[in-house]
Amino acid sequence: MDDPYLDELKNDFRDYSVELKKLKQKLLKSNSTLEQSRIVKKMDLISTKMENNQKQATKVTKSRLKGMKKNQKK
């Protein structure tokens, strides 16, 4: 299915994944507990965004499929 909005959601998810990988590397290299705490909070925020992204993508996909089924019946 070719949908610009779903493509945008997929790209956002990919960007979040890349950011998480970078933060993970920073976390592993960091010795400061304060900095580690900040990094973990950022990672948590990004993971929440990723969850919301996936929920939205699922809703949109279901909606698009429902619309396609309606169009096929006509």
Protein backbone atom coordinates (compact mmCIF):
# COMPACT_ATOMS: atom_id res chain seq x y z
CA MET A 1 0.00 0.00 0.00
CA ASP A 2 1.44 3.33 -1.06
CA ASP A 3 0.37 6.04 1.35
CA PRO A 4 2.30 9.27 2.02
CA TYR A 5 1.13 9.51 5.64
CA LEU A 6 2.15 5.92 6.41
CA ASP A 7 5.49 6.55 4.71
CA GLU A 8 5.97 9.59 6.93
CA LEU A 9 5.18 7.53 10.03
CA LYS A 10 7.64 4.85 8.90
CA ASN A 11 10.36 7.46 8.36
CA ASP A 12 9.70 8.98 11.78
CA PHE A 13 9.96 5.52 13.35
CA ARG A 14 13.26 4.92 11.57
CA ASP A 15 14.58 8.27 12.84
CA TYR A 16 13.56 7.35 16.39
CA SER A 17 15.38 4.03 16.05
CA VAL A 18 18.56 5.72 14.88
CA GLU A 19 18.36 8.20 17.74
CA LEU A 20 17.89 5.39 20.26
CA LYS A 21 20.97 3.61 18.93
CA LYS A 22 23.02 6.79 19.31
CA LEU A 23 21.75 7.33 22.85
CA LYS A 24 22.53 3.74 23.73
CA GLN A 25 26.12 4.23 22.61
CA LYS A 26 26.34 7.43 24.65
CA LEU A 27 24.91 5.63 27.65
CA LEU A 28 27.47 2.85 27.42
CA LYS A 29 30.35 5.33 27.14
CA SER A 30 29.15 7.63 29.90
CA ASN A 31 30.63 7.41 33.39
CA SER A 32 28.53 10.13 34.98
CA THR A 33 25.37 8.94 36.71
CA LEU A 34 23.73 12.30 36.13
CA GLU A 35 24.39 12.11 32.40
CA GLN A 36 23.23 8.48 32.33
CA SER A 37 20.01 9.52 34.03
CA ARG A 38 19.38 12.22 31.41
CA ILE A 39 20.09 9.77 28.59
CA VAL A 40 17.68 7.20 30.04
CA LYS A 41 14.96 9.85 30.31
CA LYS A 42 15.52 10.80 26.64
CA MET A 43 15.40 7.14 25.66
CA ASP A 44 12.15 6.71 27.55
CA LEU A 45 10.63 9.74 25.84
CA ILE A 46 11.66 8.45 22.42
CA SER A 47 10.29 4.98 23.13
CA THR A 48 6.95 6.55 24.10
CA LYS A 49 6.95 8.45 20.80
CA MET A 50 7.70 5.20 18.97
CA GLU A 51 4.77 3.47 20.68
CA ASN A 52 2.42 6.29 19.74
CA ASN A 53 3.78 6.20 16.20
CA GLN A 54 3.06 2.47 15.93
CA LYS A 55 -0.44 2.88 17.35
CA GLN A 56 -1.18 5.62 14.83
CA ALA A 57 0.23 3.57 11.96
CA THR A 58 -1.96 0.63 12.97
CA LYS A 59 -5.07 2.82 13.13
CA VAL A 60 -4.33 4.38 9.75
CA THR A 61 -3.59 1.01 8.13
CA LYS A 62 -6.84 -0.48 9.42
CA SER A 63 -8.74 2.57 8.24
CA ARG A 64 -7.15 2.44 4.79
CA LEU A 65 -7.87 -1.29 4.46
CA LYS A 66 -11.47 -0.74 5.52
CA GLY A 67 -11.77 1.99 2.90
CA MET A 68 -10.28 -0.25 0.23
CA LYS A 69 -12.77 -3.02 1.07
CA LYS A 70 -15.68 -0.56 0.80
CA ASN A 71 -14.43 0.61 -2.59
CA GLN A 72 -14.10 -2.97 -3.84
CA LYS A 73 -17.69 -3.78 -2.87
CA LYS A 74 -19.06 -0.86 -4.91
